[in-house]
Every structure is written in structure tokens, then in C-alpha cells.
Amino acid sequence: MAWYHTYFKGLPQRAWKLHQDEEYTDYEVDFLRDVLEITPESKVLDLLAGYGRHALPLAAQGTALTCIDISQEYCEELQNISSQQQLPVEVICADVLNYTLPEAHFDAAYCFGNSFSFFPRAEMQQFIHQMASALKAFAHVAIHTENLAESILPNFQARNWMPVQEDIVYLAENEYRAEGGYIEAEQTFIAGSEKVTHSVRQHIYTLGELTYMFELAGLTVVGTFSNLEADPFMLGDEQLYLVARKG
């Protein structure tokens, strides 16, 4: 069983949510509306949706969202909020690799939140194909990642730590396995007397690899940006926003 099947619950899940910046999320939502050409009539697919920090504000403006995530806790939270607010959100709690999405059904899709490093290369190609097949012709897709090779490797850190809100501390020991193209990490979360440690494997892709994999799935990359102002991505930039079009 892959690490992400059991990671997103309890203290790590709480730490991830507390680490998010609501104002920055609003900017990302505006970015998604723009680059994906989302309208209130659009049907949008949110892959690895988490607790719906992008889906909920999009749905609040009338856009129909289909959200898929593996975390039972996140899915329940998203379902409860969308039901209470009567938002057009369908929540699917499943491993996306084992779930059959409807073909040519969605007007747009996205995978945000730095989730685009969970899968090894064969499974990543499968994931991209699934995403592409679910889109209508000429629809757009956007991804976000901070784990691109051009971002990680120039300033690789074997150890790092970070304080989180509510007195949570995050620590990580990282080892880059060049032969497999991934980082093997031991991540520890500490809050008072509570301590949780997970072994995590994050697969590191070059931008060239991702572009090729998207092309194999029938997706043409039309933009690679380092920020929400759409500055071109360059070596050493901390994150990538990639936009592609089907067909």
C-alpha cells in the first residue's frame, strides 16, 4: 500500500490544513477561473481535492465540481460543508488510480496543493491519461507542484523543519534516490505530547518529463509559470503552475 493511503489523517492532516494561506488560496482560485476558462455552467474535475479549499469557492459561484480524494476525513469534511451550503459538489472518496472517471465529461480539470508527486512514473502516466480522457475536446487542465526537479535539486535540503500554527512543528529527513528519481523522506509532526512519523516517497520529475507525459496523453502544454502572475518558469523557481489543453 502506498504511503498516501494512510498519511492524510490526524495530526499531519491538521498541520497541512493549518499551513494553508486563505488569501493565497483565493488568488489560486482566480487563477484557475482564468486559465481554465471556468464559467458557472462549467463541469470541473478536482483531482486529489483534499478538503476542497479550491472546490468550495468555485462551487459557491455556481460551478459544478466533481472532487475525488483518498482521505476519508477530508471527503467527509468536504461533503458536510457542501451539503450545509447546498453547493453543487459531488464527492468521491477513492484512490483515483482505481476509479473510472466518465469519458469526455468535464470542461476543465485541475490538481493543486502539491499533490503532483505522489505517483511513480508508470502510475503517473496512467493518472495523466485518466485526467485527459475525462476532459472534453479543447478543455484545459492545470497542475501545481513544488516538487519539480528544477525546483528541488538545485538547493536540495537533507533536513528541514518548519513551525506550523497551534504549536505544531514539522521536521523532515530527506534522501534523494537518483536511480529511481524520488525522495525518500521521514516526516515527523509534533504537537505537545503527540508525535506522528510517516515514511513518504515523493517522485521528482523534470519539466521535460511532464511535458512528454502530457503529450502522450493528448494534452498540449500551453503555459508553465512560476507564480500566479504568470511569470515564465525558470530553473530554481520554487513552484510550477502548468496549464495544458486537450487536442
Protein backbone atom coordinates (compact mmCIF):
# COMPACT_ATOMS: atom_id res chain seq x y z
CA MET A 1 0.00 0.00 0.00
CA ALA A 2 1.37 3.41 -1.00
CA TRP A 3 2.18 5.90 1.77
CA TYR A 4 -0.58 8.35 0.80
CA HIS A 5 -3.28 5.78 1.65
CA THR A 6 -2.72 6.35 5.38
CA TYR A 7 -0.96 9.74 5.56
CA PHE A 8 -3.87 12.19 5.44
CA LYS A 9 -5.49 11.78 8.82
CA GLY A 10 -4.96 13.05 12.33
CA LEU A 11 -2.06 15.39 13.08
CA PRO A 12 -0.47 15.52 9.57
CA GLN A 13 -3.87 16.35 8.08
CA ARG A 14 -4.44 19.10 10.64
CA ALA A 15 -0.97 20.53 10.09
CA TRP A 16 -1.43 20.64 6.30
CA LYS A 17 -4.73 22.47 6.63
CA LEU A 18 -3.37 24.99 9.15
CA HIS A 19 -0.40 25.72 6.87
CA GLN A 20 -2.62 26.99 4.06
CA ASP A 21 -3.00 30.71 3.43
CA GLU A 22 -6.64 31.60 2.72
CA GLU A 23 -5.77 34.79 0.84
CA TYR A 24 -3.32 32.92 -1.40
CA THR A 25 -5.94 30.23 -1.99
CA ASP A 26 -8.32 32.95 -3.20
CA TYR A 27 -5.65 34.06 -5.69
CA GLU A 28 -5.25 30.46 -6.88
CA VAL A 29 -9.00 30.16 -7.37
CA ASP A 30 -8.97 33.33 -9.50
CA PHE A 31 -6.04 31.88 -11.47
CA LEU A 32 -7.99 28.65 -12.07
CA ARG A 33 -11.07 30.54 -13.26
CA ASP A 34 -8.89 32.44 -15.72
CA VAL A 35 -6.62 29.77 -17.21
CA LEU A 36 -9.30 27.04 -17.25
CA GLU A 37 -11.92 29.42 -18.66
CA ILE A 38 -14.37 28.36 -15.95
CA THR A 39 -17.94 29.68 -16.13
CA PRO A 40 -20.93 28.97 -13.86
CA GLU A 41 -22.05 26.42 -16.47
CA SER A 42 -18.74 24.51 -16.43
CA LYS A 43 -18.34 20.98 -15.09
CA VAL A 44 -14.96 20.88 -13.34
CA LEU A 45 -12.92 17.95 -12.03
CA ASP A 46 -10.80 18.47 -8.88
CA LEU A 47 -8.27 15.64 -8.59
CA LEU A 48 -6.82 14.90 -5.13
CA ALA A 49 -9.20 17.56 -3.86
CA GLY A 50 -8.41 17.39 -0.13
CA TYR A 51 -10.94 19.29 1.96
CA GLY A 52 -11.99 21.37 -1.05
CA ARG A 53 -10.15 24.62 -0.46
CA HIS A 54 -10.36 25.38 -4.20
CA ALA A 55 -13.56 23.46 -4.99
CA LEU A 56 -15.75 25.16 -2.39
CA PRO A 57 -15.18 28.76 -3.56
CA LEU A 58 -15.59 27.67 -7.20
CA ALA A 59 -18.85 25.89 -6.36
CA ALA A 60 -20.05 28.92 -4.38
CA GLN A 61 -20.27 30.77 -7.70
CA GLY A 62 -22.41 28.02 -9.22
CA THR A 63 -19.79 25.88 -10.95
CA ALA A 64 -20.43 22.12 -10.70
CA LEU A 65 -17.46 20.33 -9.09
CA THR A 66 -16.60 16.65 -9.00
CA CYS A 67 -13.98 16.09 -6.30
CA ILE A 68 -12.00 12.90 -5.77
CA ASP A 69 -9.69 12.20 -2.85
CA ILE A 70 -8.45 9.20 -0.90
CA SER A 71 -8.76 10.70 2.60
CA GLN A 72 -11.96 9.68 4.37
CA GLU A 73 -11.62 12.61 6.79
CA TYR A 74 -11.19 15.17 4.02
CA CYS A 75 -14.06 13.71 1.98
CA GLU A 76 -16.42 13.78 4.95
CA GLU A 77 -15.50 17.40 5.70
CA LEU A 78 -16.00 18.43 2.08
CA GLN A 79 -19.30 16.55 1.85
CA ASN A 80 -20.61 18.09 5.06
CA ILE A 81 -19.73 21.67 4.10
CA SER A 82 -21.05 21.39 0.55
CA SER A 83 -24.30 19.83 1.83
CA GLN A 84 -24.77 22.50 4.51
CA GLN A 85 -24.18 25.28 1.99
CA GLN A 86 -26.15 23.47 -0.76
CA LEU A 87 -23.26 23.68 -3.20
CA PRO A 88 -23.06 21.71 -6.49
CA VAL A 89 -20.26 19.40 -5.33
CA GLU A 90 -20.02 15.64 -5.89
CA VAL A 91 -17.53 13.98 -3.54
CA ILE A 92 -15.87 10.68 -4.50
CA CYS A 93 -13.75 9.04 -1.80
CA ALA A 94 -11.47 6.68 -3.70
CA ASP A 95 -7.98 6.00 -4.96
CA VAL A 96 -8.05 7.87 -8.27
CA LEU A 97 -5.86 5.20 -9.90
CA ASN A 98 -8.57 2.61 -9.27
CA TYR A 99 -11.56 4.77 -10.15
CA THR A 100 -13.12 5.05 -13.61
CA LEU A 101 -13.97 8.63 -14.49
CA PRO A 102 -16.61 9.40 -17.15
CA GLU A 103 -15.06 9.98 -20.56
CA ALA A 104 -15.16 13.40 -22.26
CA HIS A 105 -17.39 14.72 -19.48
CA PHE A 106 -15.60 17.71 -17.94
CA ASP A 107 -14.97 21.23 -19.23
CA ALA A 108 -11.84 21.62 -17.09
CA ALA A 109 -9.71 19.82 -14.52
CA TYR A 110 -7.01 20.66 -12.01
CA CYS A 111 -4.71 19.05 -9.46
CA PHE A 112 -3.42 21.61 -6.95
CA GLY A 113 -1.92 21.50 -3.46
CA ASN A 114 1.46 19.99 -4.37
CA SER A 115 -0.04 16.54 -4.93
CA PHE A 116 1.62 16.03 -8.31
CA SER A 117 4.47 13.92 -6.96
CA PHE A 118 2.61 11.03 -5.34
CA PHE A 119 2.92 8.53 -8.19
CA PRO A 120 5.88 6.67 -9.75
CA ARG A 121 6.33 7.01 -13.48
CA ALA A 122 4.04 4.26 -14.78
CA GLU A 123 1.25 5.26 -12.40
CA MET A 124 1.79 8.94 -13.18
CA GLN A 125 1.30 8.26 -16.88
CA GLN A 126 -1.87 6.35 -16.02
CA PHE A 127 -3.08 9.26 -13.88
CA ILE A 128 -2.45 11.79 -16.66
CA HIS A 129 -4.25 9.56 -19.18
CA GLN A 130 -7.25 9.27 -16.84
CA MET A 131 -7.34 13.02 -16.43
CA ALA A 132 -7.11 13.59 -20.18
CA SER A 133 -9.78 11.04 -21.09
CA ALA A 134 -12.22 12.67 -18.67
CA LEU A 135 -11.93 16.04 -20.46
CA LYS A 136 -13.96 17.27 -23.39
CA ALA A 137 -12.09 18.27 -26.56
CA PHE A 138 -10.15 21.56 -26.21
CA ALA A 139 -10.71 21.65 -22.44
CA HIS A 140 -7.89 22.88 -20.20
CA VAL A 141 -6.16 21.31 -17.22
CA ALA A 142 -3.89 22.94 -14.63
CA ILE A 143 -1.48 21.42 -12.11
CA HIS A 144 0.63 22.81 -9.30
CA THR A 145 3.77 21.27 -7.82
CA GLU A 146 6.69 22.30 -5.65
CA ASN A 147 8.47 19.00 -6.31
CA LEU A 148 9.76 19.56 -9.81
CA ALA A 149 13.41 18.56 -10.29
CA GLU A 150 14.31 22.07 -11.41
CA SER A 151 12.91 23.38 -8.11
CA ILE A 152 14.12 20.75 -5.65
CA LEU A 153 17.57 19.68 -6.80
CA PRO A 154 19.47 23.00 -7.11
CA ASN A 155 19.03 23.63 -3.37
CA PHE A 156 18.32 20.15 -2.02
CA GLN A 157 17.91 20.03 1.76
CA ALA A 158 18.63 16.77 3.55
CA ARG A 159 16.98 18.08 6.72
CA ASN A 160 14.44 20.79 7.31
CA TRP A 161 11.92 21.86 9.89
CA MET A 162 9.03 24.31 10.00
CA PRO A 163 6.74 25.64 12.72
CA VAL A 164 3.03 25.37 11.98
CA GLN A 165 0.11 27.07 13.71
CA GLU A 166 -1.26 25.73 17.02
CA ASP A 167 2.28 24.91 18.19
CA ILE A 168 2.72 22.11 15.66
CA VAL A 169 6.29 21.51 14.48
CA TYR A 170 7.14 19.70 11.23
CA LEU A 171 10.53 18.02 10.69
CA ALA A 172 11.83 16.04 7.73
CA GLU A 173 14.87 13.98 6.85
CA ASN A 174 15.22 13.63 3.08
CA GLU A 175 17.32 11.35 0.87
CA TYR A 176 17.31 11.74 -2.89
CA ARG A 177 17.43 8.39 -4.71
CA ALA A 178 18.77 9.34 -8.11
CA GLU A 179 18.37 5.88 -9.65
CA GLY A 180 14.63 5.93 -9.02
CA GLY A 181 14.05 9.65 -9.35
CA TYR A 182 12.41 10.10 -5.96
CA ILE A 183 12.93 11.48 -2.47
CA GLU A 184 12.63 9.09 0.46
CA ALA A 185 11.59 11.17 3.44
CA GLU A 186 10.83 10.61 7.09
CA GLN A 187 8.36 13.28 8.15
CA THR A 188 7.57 13.96 11.80
CA PHE A 189 4.80 16.12 13.26
CA ILE A 190 4.92 17.15 16.92
CA ALA A 191 2.19 18.89 18.90
CA GLY A 192 2.75 18.87 22.65
CA SER A 193 2.99 15.23 23.72
CA GLU A 194 1.62 13.98 20.38
CA LYS A 195 4.13 12.79 17.79
CA VAL A 196 3.39 11.22 14.40
CA THR A 197 6.02 9.98 11.92
CA HIS A 198 5.46 8.85 8.34
CA SER A 199 7.76 7.50 5.63
CA VAL A 200 6.98 9.34 2.41
CA ARG A 201 8.16 8.81 -1.15
CA GLN A 202 7.86 11.81 -3.47
CA HIS A 203 8.62 11.25 -7.14
CA ILE A 204 10.64 14.01 -8.78
CA TYR A 205 10.01 14.85 -12.44
CA THR A 206 11.72 17.29 -14.75
CA LEU A 207 9.53 19.71 -16.66
CA GLY A 208 10.60 17.95 -19.84
CA GLU A 209 9.36 14.61 -18.49
CA LEU A 210 5.99 16.05 -17.53
CA THR A 211 5.60 17.77 -20.88
CA TYR A 212 6.31 14.49 -22.67
CA MET A 213 3.89 12.54 -20.47
CA PHE A 214 1.17 15.10 -21.09
CA GLU A 215 1.78 14.88 -24.84
CA LEU A 216 1.45 11.07 -24.71
CA ALA A 217 -1.99 11.58 -23.17
CA GLY A 218 -3.09 14.02 -25.87
CA LEU A 219 -2.53 17.15 -23.79
CA THR A 220 -0.54 20.08 -25.18
CA VAL A 221 1.28 22.21 -22.61
CA VAL A 222 0.39 25.85 -23.28
CA GLY A 223 1.90 27.55 -20.23
CA THR A 224 4.48 26.93 -17.49
CA PHE A 225 4.56 29.57 -14.77
CA SER A 226 6.46 30.17 -11.55
CA ASN A 227 3.68 32.14 -9.86
CA LEU A 228 0.10 33.34 -10.17
CA GLU A 229 1.26 36.44 -12.09
CA ALA A 230 2.16 34.00 -14.91
CA ASP A 231 5.89 34.71 -14.95
CA PRO A 232 7.64 32.00 -17.01
CA PHE A 233 9.01 29.08 -15.01
CA MET A 234 12.82 29.02 -14.81
CA LEU A 235 15.49 26.84 -13.20
CA GLY A 236 15.48 27.29 -9.44
CA ASP A 237 11.92 28.61 -9.13
CA GLU A 238 10.19 27.18 -6.07
CA GLN A 239 6.98 26.05 -7.76
CA LEU A 240 5.37 25.29 -11.09
CA TYR A 241 1.91 26.08 -12.39
CA LEU A 242 1.41 24.13 -15.62
CA VAL A 243 -1.53 24.62 -17.99
CA ALA A 244 -2.34 22.22 -20.83
CA ARG A 245 -5.10 21.83 -23.43
CA LYS A 246 -6.67 18.66 -24.78
CA GLY A 247 -6.38 18.33 -28.53
